[in-house]
């Protein structure tokens, strides 16, 4: 029974963290449907207040850490079911979920190694000259859009693994 409880906990953590992470991407898509470059006027509004900075830091932390929780719980589920090696080597019936795991890995790396370092400059968490902040706003926008686009095949492959094997036979 303990193993079933661990599996259930991992599944729900994975599901919840995925909703937070992927949901954040889609909210960004709806709220900012086109690229709006950073402008110095943004700093003259409430951006410089400590309450805004605290909210922005928390929001982006939740988003980033949800990506880690979703990725780690997904890997742990595959490991507990003894499917990790076959999934990561795209072998047999685990190929679809393995492809999803690789896409998820790319997305996590994009969040932490591309998006976040640039976003810190745009949001003013790291000092940067105006030209750098404008450049980073474009990179952040494109990185977020890349993750949003990658989430479509990721979600399909997660569902295709256990439910739609015929395209992968």
N, C-alpha and C. Protein backbone atom coordinates (compact mmCIF):
# COMPACT_ATOMS: atom_id res chain seq x y z
N UNK A 1 0.81 -1.20 0.00
CA UNK A 1 0.00 0.00 0.00
C UNK A 1 0.84 1.25 0.00
N UNK A 2 2.00 1.23 0.67
CA UNK A 2 2.85 2.41 0.73
C UNK A 2 3.34 2.82 -0.65
N UNK A 3 3.68 1.83 -1.49
CA UNK A 3 4.13 2.13 -2.84
C UNK A 3 3.05 2.79 -3.67
N UNK A 4 1.82 2.36 -3.49
CA UNK A 4 0.70 2.97 -4.21
C UNK A 4 0.49 4.41 -3.78
N UNK A 5 0.67 4.67 -2.49
CA UNK A 5 0.51 6.03 -1.99
C UNK A 5 1.61 6.95 -2.54
N UNK A 6 2.82 6.44 -2.61
CA UNK A 6 3.92 7.22 -3.19
C UNK A 6 3.64 7.51 -4.66
N UNK A 7 3.18 6.49 -5.40
CA UNK A 7 2.85 6.69 -6.81
C UNK A 7 1.74 7.72 -6.98
N UNK A 8 0.73 7.64 -6.14
CA UNK A 8 -0.37 8.60 -6.20
C UNK A 8 0.12 10.02 -5.91
N UNK A 9 0.94 10.15 -4.89
CA UNK A 9 1.49 11.46 -4.53
C UNK A 9 2.34 12.03 -5.66
N UNK A 10 3.20 11.20 -6.23
CA UNK A 10 4.04 11.65 -7.35
C UNK A 10 3.18 12.09 -8.54
N UNK A 11 2.16 11.31 -8.84
CA UNK A 11 1.29 11.63 -9.98
C UNK A 11 0.59 12.97 -9.79
N UNK A 12 0.04 13.19 -8.57
CA UNK A 12 -0.67 14.43 -8.31
C UNK A 12 0.28 15.62 -8.24
N UNK A 13 1.45 15.45 -7.67
CA UNK A 13 2.44 16.53 -7.67
C UNK A 13 2.84 16.88 -9.10
N UNK A 14 3.05 15.86 -9.91
CA UNK A 14 3.42 16.07 -11.31
C UNK A 14 2.31 16.82 -12.05
N UNK A 15 1.09 16.38 -11.84
CA UNK A 15 -0.06 16.98 -12.48
C UNK A 15 -0.24 18.44 -12.05
N UNK A 16 -0.20 18.70 -10.75
CA UNK A 16 -0.39 20.05 -10.23
C UNK A 16 0.74 20.99 -10.67
N UNK A 17 1.98 20.52 -10.54
CA UNK A 17 3.12 21.36 -10.95
C UNK A 17 3.07 21.64 -12.44
N UNK A 18 2.65 20.64 -13.23
CA UNK A 18 2.51 20.84 -14.67
C UNK A 18 1.46 21.88 -15.01
N UNK A 19 0.35 21.87 -14.28
CA UNK A 19 -0.69 22.88 -14.51
C UNK A 19 -0.16 24.28 -14.19
N UNK A 20 0.54 24.41 -13.08
CA UNK A 20 1.10 25.71 -12.71
C UNK A 20 2.10 26.17 -13.75
N UNK A 21 3.00 25.28 -14.14
CA UNK A 21 4.07 25.63 -15.07
C UNK A 21 3.52 25.94 -16.46
N UNK A 22 2.79 25.00 -17.05
CA UNK A 22 2.27 25.19 -18.40
C UNK A 22 1.19 26.28 -18.40
N UNK A 23 0.39 26.33 -17.34
CA UNK A 23 -0.62 27.37 -17.24
C UNK A 23 -0.02 28.75 -17.26
N UNK A 24 1.12 28.92 -16.61
CA UNK A 24 1.81 30.21 -16.62
C UNK A 24 2.19 30.60 -18.04
N UNK A 25 2.62 29.63 -18.83
CA UNK A 25 2.95 29.92 -20.24
C UNK A 25 1.73 30.41 -21.00
N UNK A 26 0.61 29.74 -20.82
CA UNK A 26 -0.60 30.12 -21.55
C UNK A 26 -1.18 31.44 -21.07
N UNK A 27 -1.07 31.72 -19.78
CA UNK A 27 -1.50 33.03 -19.27
C UNK A 27 -0.66 34.12 -19.92
N UNK A 28 0.64 33.88 -20.01
CA UNK A 28 1.52 34.84 -20.69
C UNK A 28 1.12 35.05 -22.14
N UNK A 29 0.73 33.99 -22.80
CA UNK A 29 0.31 34.08 -24.20
C UNK A 29 -0.95 34.93 -24.33
N UNK A 30 -1.89 34.78 -23.40
CA UNK A 30 -3.14 35.55 -23.46
C UNK A 30 -2.91 37.00 -23.05
N UNK A 31 -2.15 37.22 -21.98
CA UNK A 31 -1.94 38.57 -21.49
C UNK A 31 -1.04 39.41 -22.39
N UNK A 32 -0.06 38.76 -23.02
CA UNK A 32 0.87 39.46 -23.90
C UNK A 32 0.91 38.70 -25.23
N UNK A 33 -0.11 38.91 -26.08
CA UNK A 33 -0.18 38.12 -27.32
C UNK A 33 0.89 38.48 -28.36
N UNK A 34 1.48 39.65 -28.23
CA UNK A 34 2.55 40.04 -29.16
C UNK A 34 3.69 40.65 -28.36
N UNK A 35 4.83 40.72 -28.99
CA UNK A 35 6.02 41.22 -28.31
C UNK A 35 5.89 42.71 -28.03
N UNK A 36 6.09 43.09 -26.78
CA UNK A 36 6.14 44.48 -26.36
C UNK A 36 7.51 44.70 -25.74
N UNK A 37 8.41 45.40 -26.43
CA UNK A 37 9.76 45.56 -25.88
C UNK A 37 9.75 46.36 -24.58
N UNK A 38 10.74 46.09 -23.77
CA UNK A 38 10.91 46.82 -22.52
C UNK A 38 11.11 48.30 -22.83
N UNK A 39 10.48 49.15 -22.02
CA UNK A 39 10.69 50.60 -22.15
C UNK A 39 11.00 51.17 -20.78
N UNK A 40 11.76 52.24 -20.71
CA UNK A 40 12.09 52.83 -19.41
C UNK A 40 10.86 53.32 -18.64
N UNK A 41 9.75 53.63 -19.35
CA UNK A 41 8.53 54.07 -18.67
C UNK A 41 8.00 53.01 -17.71
N UNK A 42 8.31 51.74 -17.98
CA UNK A 42 7.86 50.68 -17.09
C UNK A 42 8.43 50.86 -15.69
N UNK A 43 9.64 51.39 -15.60
CA UNK A 43 10.26 51.59 -14.30
C UNK A 43 9.62 52.75 -13.53
N UNK A 44 8.95 53.64 -14.24
CA UNK A 44 8.37 54.81 -13.58
C UNK A 44 7.02 54.49 -12.96
N UNK A 45 6.46 53.34 -13.27
CA UNK A 45 5.17 52.98 -12.68
C UNK A 45 5.42 52.32 -11.34
N UNK A 46 4.71 51.27 -11.03
CA UNK A 46 4.86 50.64 -9.73
C UNK A 46 6.00 49.63 -9.69
N UNK A 47 6.71 49.48 -10.78
CA UNK A 47 7.73 48.44 -10.87
C UNK A 47 8.81 48.58 -9.80
N UNK A 48 9.13 49.80 -9.44
CA UNK A 48 10.22 50.00 -8.49
C UNK A 48 9.80 49.85 -7.03
N UNK A 49 8.52 49.68 -6.77
CA UNK A 49 8.09 49.52 -5.39
C UNK A 49 8.48 48.14 -4.88
N UNK A 50 8.77 48.07 -3.60
CA UNK A 50 9.22 46.79 -3.05
C UNK A 50 8.10 45.76 -3.07
N UNK A 51 6.83 46.18 -2.92
CA UNK A 51 5.74 45.20 -2.94
C UNK A 51 5.61 44.59 -4.34
N UNK A 52 5.78 45.40 -5.38
CA UNK A 52 5.73 44.86 -6.74
C UNK A 52 6.88 43.90 -6.97
N UNK A 53 8.07 44.30 -6.56
CA UNK A 53 9.24 43.44 -6.76
C UNK A 53 9.06 42.12 -6.02
N UNK A 54 8.51 42.17 -4.83
CA UNK A 54 8.27 40.94 -4.08
C UNK A 54 7.26 40.04 -4.77
N UNK A 55 6.18 40.63 -5.28
CA UNK A 55 5.18 39.83 -6.01
C UNK A 55 5.78 39.24 -7.27
N UNK A 56 6.54 40.04 -8.01
CA UNK A 56 7.15 39.55 -9.25
C UNK A 56 8.13 38.41 -8.95
N UNK A 57 8.92 38.56 -7.90
CA UNK A 57 9.87 37.52 -7.54
C UNK A 57 9.15 36.22 -7.18
N UNK A 58 8.09 36.34 -6.37
CA UNK A 58 7.33 35.14 -5.98
C UNK A 58 6.68 34.48 -7.18
N UNK A 59 6.06 35.29 -8.05
CA UNK A 59 5.39 34.71 -9.22
C UNK A 59 6.38 33.95 -10.08
N UNK A 60 7.52 34.55 -10.35
CA UNK A 60 8.49 33.88 -11.21
C UNK A 60 9.16 32.70 -10.50
N UNK A 61 9.26 32.76 -9.17
CA UNK A 61 9.80 31.62 -8.43
C UNK A 61 8.85 30.44 -8.50
N UNK A 62 7.57 30.69 -8.31
CA UNK A 62 6.58 29.61 -8.37
C UNK A 62 6.64 28.95 -9.74
N UNK A 63 6.68 29.74 -10.79
CA UNK A 63 6.76 29.24 -12.16
C UNK A 63 8.00 28.38 -12.37
N UNK A 64 9.16 28.92 -11.96
CA UNK A 64 10.42 28.19 -12.17
C UNK A 64 10.45 26.88 -11.37
N UNK A 65 10.07 26.95 -10.10
CA UNK A 65 10.15 25.76 -9.27
C UNK A 65 9.08 24.74 -9.63
N UNK A 66 7.96 25.19 -10.17
CA UNK A 66 6.96 24.24 -10.67
C UNK A 66 7.54 23.41 -11.80
N UNK A 67 8.40 24.03 -12.62
CA UNK A 67 9.02 23.27 -13.71
C UNK A 67 9.93 22.17 -13.15
N UNK A 68 10.66 22.48 -12.10
CA UNK A 68 11.54 21.48 -11.48
C UNK A 68 10.71 20.36 -10.85
N UNK A 69 9.65 20.71 -10.12
CA UNK A 69 8.82 19.70 -9.47
C UNK A 69 8.17 18.80 -10.52
N UNK A 70 7.65 19.39 -11.60
CA UNK A 70 7.03 18.59 -12.66
C UNK A 70 8.05 17.64 -13.28
N UNK A 71 9.25 18.13 -13.56
CA UNK A 71 10.27 17.30 -14.20
C UNK A 71 10.74 16.18 -13.26
N UNK A 72 11.04 16.52 -12.02
CA UNK A 72 11.56 15.52 -11.07
C UNK A 72 10.51 14.45 -10.79
N UNK A 73 9.25 14.86 -10.57
CA UNK A 73 8.22 13.86 -10.29
C UNK A 73 7.96 12.97 -11.50
N UNK A 74 8.06 13.53 -12.70
CA UNK A 74 7.91 12.70 -13.91
C UNK A 74 9.01 11.66 -14.02
N UNK A 75 10.23 12.08 -13.78
CA UNK A 75 11.37 11.15 -13.83
C UNK A 75 11.23 10.09 -12.73
N UNK A 76 10.83 10.52 -11.53
CA UNK A 76 10.65 9.55 -10.44
C UNK A 76 9.55 8.54 -10.74
N UNK A 77 8.47 8.99 -11.37
CA UNK A 77 7.41 8.04 -11.73
C UNK A 77 7.92 7.00 -12.72
N UNK A 78 8.66 7.45 -13.73
CA UNK A 78 9.21 6.50 -14.69
C UNK A 78 10.19 5.55 -14.02
N UNK A 79 11.00 6.05 -13.12
CA UNK A 79 11.98 5.22 -12.41
C UNK A 79 11.26 4.19 -11.54
N UNK A 80 10.25 4.61 -10.79
CA UNK A 80 9.51 3.69 -9.90
C UNK A 80 8.80 2.60 -10.70
N UNK A 81 8.38 2.91 -11.92
CA UNK A 81 7.70 1.92 -12.75
C UNK A 81 8.67 1.13 -13.62
N UNK A 82 9.96 1.34 -13.39
CA UNK A 82 11.03 0.68 -14.13
C UNK A 82 10.92 0.90 -15.64
N UNK A 83 10.55 2.10 -16.01
CA UNK A 83 10.42 2.47 -17.42
C UNK A 83 11.40 3.56 -17.83
N UNK A 84 12.20 4.04 -16.91
CA UNK A 84 13.05 5.20 -17.17
C UNK A 84 14.03 4.97 -18.31
N UNK A 85 14.73 3.85 -18.29
CA UNK A 85 15.73 3.59 -19.33
C UNK A 85 15.07 3.47 -20.70
N UNK A 86 14.00 2.68 -20.78
CA UNK A 86 13.30 2.54 -22.06
C UNK A 86 12.72 3.86 -22.54
N UNK A 87 12.21 4.66 -21.60
CA UNK A 87 11.64 5.95 -21.98
C UNK A 87 12.72 6.89 -22.52
N UNK A 88 13.83 6.99 -21.81
CA UNK A 88 14.89 7.92 -22.23
C UNK A 88 15.62 7.46 -23.49
N UNK A 89 15.59 6.16 -23.75
CA UNK A 89 16.20 5.65 -24.99
C UNK A 89 15.17 5.49 -26.10
N UNK A 90 13.93 5.92 -25.82
CA UNK A 90 12.82 5.89 -26.78
C UNK A 90 12.59 4.49 -27.34
N UNK A 91 12.54 3.52 -26.42
CA UNK A 91 12.39 2.12 -26.77
C UNK A 91 10.98 1.62 -26.47
N UNK A 92 10.40 0.90 -27.41
CA UNK A 92 9.13 0.20 -27.19
C UNK A 92 7.97 1.10 -26.86
N UNK A 93 7.11 0.61 -25.97
CA UNK A 93 5.90 1.33 -25.61
C UNK A 93 6.20 2.59 -24.79
N UNK A 94 7.39 2.70 -24.27
CA UNK A 94 7.76 3.90 -23.50
C UNK A 94 8.29 5.02 -24.38
N UNK A 95 8.37 4.79 -25.69
CA UNK A 95 8.89 5.83 -26.60
C UNK A 95 8.09 7.13 -26.54
N UNK A 96 6.75 7.09 -26.55
CA UNK A 96 6.02 8.37 -26.50
C UNK A 96 6.27 9.16 -25.22
N UNK A 97 6.20 8.49 -24.08
CA UNK A 97 6.43 9.21 -22.83
C UNK A 97 7.89 9.64 -22.72
N UNK A 98 8.79 8.87 -23.31
CA UNK A 98 10.20 9.26 -23.34
C UNK A 98 10.42 10.50 -24.19
N UNK A 99 9.75 10.57 -25.34
CA UNK A 99 9.85 11.78 -26.17
C UNK A 99 9.30 12.98 -25.40
N UNK A 100 8.21 12.76 -24.67
CA UNK A 100 7.67 13.83 -23.83
C UNK A 100 8.65 14.23 -22.74
N UNK A 101 9.34 13.26 -22.16
CA UNK A 101 10.33 13.56 -21.12
C UNK A 101 11.48 14.39 -21.68
N UNK A 102 11.91 14.06 -22.89
CA UNK A 102 12.98 14.85 -23.51
C UNK A 102 12.52 16.28 -23.82
N UNK A 103 11.29 16.42 -24.32
CA UNK A 103 10.76 17.77 -24.57
C UNK A 103 10.65 18.53 -23.25
N UNK A 104 10.17 17.86 -22.21
CA UNK A 104 10.09 18.49 -20.89
C UNK A 104 11.46 18.92 -20.38
N UNK A 105 12.46 18.11 -20.63
CA UNK A 105 13.83 18.45 -20.23
C UNK A 105 14.30 19.70 -20.95
N UNK A 106 14.05 19.77 -22.24
CA UNK A 106 14.41 20.97 -23.02
C UNK A 106 13.69 22.19 -22.46
N UNK A 107 12.42 22.02 -22.13
CA UNK A 107 11.64 23.14 -21.59
C UNK A 107 12.18 23.62 -20.24
N UNK A 108 12.54 22.68 -19.36
CA UNK A 108 13.10 23.06 -18.06
C UNK A 108 14.42 23.80 -18.25
N UNK A 109 15.27 23.27 -19.12
CA UNK A 109 16.55 23.94 -19.38
C UNK A 109 16.33 25.33 -19.98
N UNK A 110 15.34 25.47 -20.83
CA UNK A 110 15.01 26.77 -21.40
C UNK A 110 14.60 27.75 -20.31
N UNK A 111 13.77 27.29 -19.36
CA UNK A 111 13.33 28.16 -18.27
C UNK A 111 14.52 28.63 -17.44
N UNK A 112 15.37 27.70 -17.04
CA UNK A 112 16.42 28.02 -16.08
C UNK A 112 17.69 28.61 -16.71
N UNK A 113 18.02 28.19 -17.92
CA UNK A 113 19.29 28.62 -18.51
C UNK A 113 19.15 29.74 -19.54
N UNK A 114 17.96 29.93 -20.08
CA UNK A 114 17.76 30.98 -21.08
C UNK A 114 16.83 32.06 -20.54
N UNK A 115 15.62 31.65 -20.21
CA UNK A 115 14.59 32.63 -19.84
C UNK A 115 14.93 33.37 -18.54
N UNK A 116 15.21 32.65 -17.48
CA UNK A 116 15.40 33.30 -16.18
C UNK A 116 16.59 34.25 -16.13
N UNK A 117 17.76 33.91 -16.64
CA UNK A 117 18.86 34.89 -16.60
C UNK A 117 18.51 36.20 -17.32
N UNK A 118 17.77 36.12 -18.40
CA UNK A 118 17.40 37.33 -19.13
C UNK A 118 16.25 38.07 -18.44
N UNK A 119 15.33 37.30 -17.89
CA UNK A 119 14.18 37.90 -17.22
C UNK A 119 14.59 38.68 -15.98
N UNK A 120 15.62 38.22 -15.30
CA UNK A 120 16.11 38.94 -14.12
C UNK A 120 16.55 40.35 -14.50
N UNK A 121 17.14 40.50 -15.67
CA UNK A 121 17.57 41.83 -16.11
C UNK A 121 16.37 42.69 -16.50
N UNK A 122 15.41 42.09 -17.20
CA UNK A 122 14.23 42.85 -17.61
C UNK A 122 13.46 43.34 -16.40
N UNK A 123 13.29 42.50 -15.40
CA UNK A 123 12.52 42.85 -14.22
C UNK A 123 13.28 43.73 -13.23
N UNK A 124 14.57 43.92 -13.48
CA UNK A 124 15.35 44.79 -12.61
C UNK A 124 15.92 44.10 -11.40
N UNK A 125 15.85 42.77 -11.35
CA UNK A 125 16.46 42.04 -10.24
C UNK A 125 17.98 42.08 -10.35
N UNK A 126 18.48 42.20 -11.58
CA UNK A 126 19.90 42.32 -11.85
C UNK A 126 20.09 43.62 -12.63
N UNK A 127 20.98 44.50 -12.18
CA UNK A 127 21.17 45.75 -12.91
C UNK A 127 21.69 45.50 -14.33
N UNK A 128 21.11 46.25 -15.27
CA UNK A 128 21.54 46.14 -16.67
C UNK A 128 21.21 47.45 -17.38
N UNK A 129 22.04 47.84 -18.34
CA UNK A 129 21.73 49.06 -19.10
C UNK A 129 20.46 48.87 -19.95
N UNK A 130 19.90 49.98 -20.39
CA UNK A 130 18.66 49.97 -21.14
C UNK A 130 18.73 49.06 -22.36
N UNK A 131 19.79 49.16 -23.14
CA UNK A 131 19.91 48.35 -24.35
C UNK A 131 19.89 46.86 -24.03
N UNK A 132 20.53 46.49 -22.94
CA UNK A 132 20.56 45.08 -22.53
C UNK A 132 19.17 44.63 -22.08
N UNK A 133 18.45 45.47 -21.38
CA UNK A 133 17.10 45.11 -20.93
C UNK A 133 16.16 44.94 -22.12
N UNK A 134 16.29 45.80 -23.12
CA UNK A 134 15.46 45.67 -24.33
C UNK A 134 15.78 44.36 -25.04
N UNK A 135 17.07 44.06 -25.19
CA UNK A 135 17.49 42.82 -25.84
C UNK A 135 16.98 41.60 -25.05
N UNK A 136 17.10 41.65 -23.74
CA UNK A 136 16.66 40.54 -22.89
C UNK A 136 15.15 40.37 -22.92
N UNK A 137 14.41 41.46 -23.10
CA UNK A 137 12.95 41.33 -23.16
C UNK A 137 12.54 40.51 -24.38
N UNK A 138 13.25 40.68 -25.49
CA UNK A 138 12.94 39.90 -26.70
C UNK A 138 13.30 38.43 -26.49
N UNK A 139 14.45 38.17 -25.90
CA UNK A 139 14.87 36.78 -25.65
C UNK A 139 13.90 36.09 -24.70
N UNK A 140 13.48 36.80 -23.65
CA UNK A 140 12.52 36.24 -22.71
C UNK A 140 11.20 35.92 -23.40
N UNK A 141 10.73 36.83 -24.23
CA UNK A 141 9.49 36.62 -24.96
C UNK A 141 9.58 35.39 -25.85
N UNK A 142 10.65 35.29 -26.63
CA UNK A 142 10.81 34.15 -27.54
C UNK A 142 10.99 32.83 -26.79
N UNK A 143 11.69 32.86 -25.67
CA UNK A 143 11.87 31.65 -24.86
C UNK A 143 10.53 31.17 -24.30
N UNK A 144 9.73 32.12 -23.84
CA UNK A 144 8.41 31.76 -23.32
C UNK A 144 7.54 31.17 -24.42
N UNK A 145 7.60 31.76 -25.61
CA UNK A 145 6.81 31.25 -26.73
C UNK A 145 7.29 29.86 -27.15
N UNK A 146 8.59 29.65 -27.12
CA UNK A 146 9.13 28.33 -27.46
C UNK A 146 8.58 27.27 -26.49
N UNK A 147 8.55 27.58 -25.20
CA UNK A 147 8.01 26.63 -24.23
C UNK A 147 6.52 26.40 -24.44
N UNK A 148 5.79 27.45 -24.80
CA UNK A 148 4.36 27.30 -25.05
C UNK A 148 4.13 26.37 -26.24
N UNK A 149 4.89 26.57 -27.30
CA UNK A 149 4.76 25.71 -28.49
C UNK A 149 5.17 24.28 -28.16
N UNK A 150 6.25 24.11 -27.42
CA UNK A 150 6.71 22.76 -27.05
C UNK A 150 5.72 22.05 -26.13
N UNK A 151 4.92 22.79 -25.40
CA UNK A 151 3.97 22.15 -24.48
C UNK A 151 2.90 21.36 -25.23
N UNK A 152 2.61 21.72 -26.48
CA UNK A 152 1.56 21.02 -27.23
C UNK A 152 1.96 19.58 -27.52
N UNK A 153 3.13 19.33 -28.15
CA UNK A 153 3.51 17.91 -28.33
C UNK A 153 3.81 17.22 -27.00
N UNK A 154 4.30 17.96 -26.00
CA UNK A 154 4.56 17.37 -24.70
C UNK A 154 3.27 16.79 -24.11
N UNK A 155 2.21 17.57 -24.10
CA UNK A 155 0.93 17.11 -23.55
C UNK A 155 0.37 15.94 -24.37
N UNK A 156 0.51 16.01 -25.69
CA UNK A 156 0.05 14.91 -26.53
C UNK A 156 0.81 13.62 -26.20
N UNK A 157 2.11 13.71 -26.12
CA UNK A 157 2.92 12.52 -25.87
C UNK A 157 2.67 11.94 -24.48
N UNK A 158 2.40 12.80 -23.49
CA UNK A 158 2.08 12.30 -22.15
C UNK A 158 0.79 11.48 -22.19
N UNK A 159 -0.19 11.95 -22.95
CA UNK A 159 -1.46 11.21 -23.05
C UNK A 159 -1.34 10.03 -23.99
N UNK A 160 -0.51 10.14 -25.03
CA UNK A 160 -0.39 9.08 -26.03
C UNK A 160 0.27 7.84 -25.46
N UNK A 161 1.18 8.00 -24.53
CA UNK A 161 1.86 6.85 -23.96
C UNK A 161 0.91 5.76 -23.49
N UNK A 162 0.07 6.05 -22.51
CA UNK A 162 -0.82 5.00 -22.02
C UNK A 162 -2.14 4.86 -22.78
N UNK A 163 -2.51 5.84 -23.60
CA UNK A 163 -3.86 5.84 -24.15
C UNK A 163 -3.96 5.74 -25.67
N UNK A 164 -2.91 5.98 -26.38
CA UNK A 164 -3.01 5.99 -27.84
C UNK A 164 -1.74 5.43 -28.46
N UNK A 165 -1.50 4.17 -28.22
CA UNK A 165 -0.25 3.57 -28.67
C UNK A 165 -0.19 3.32 -30.18
N UNK A 166 -1.33 3.26 -30.85
CA UNK A 166 -1.30 2.86 -32.25
C UNK A 166 -0.38 3.72 -33.14
N UNK A 167 -0.22 5.03 -32.91
CA UNK A 167 0.73 5.74 -33.79
C UNK A 167 2.17 5.34 -33.55
N UNK A 168 2.43 4.65 -32.41
CA UNK A 168 3.81 4.37 -32.02
C UNK A 168 4.14 2.88 -32.09
N UNK A 169 3.25 2.05 -32.64
CA UNK A 169 3.54 0.62 -32.74
C UNK A 169 4.59 0.32 -33.78
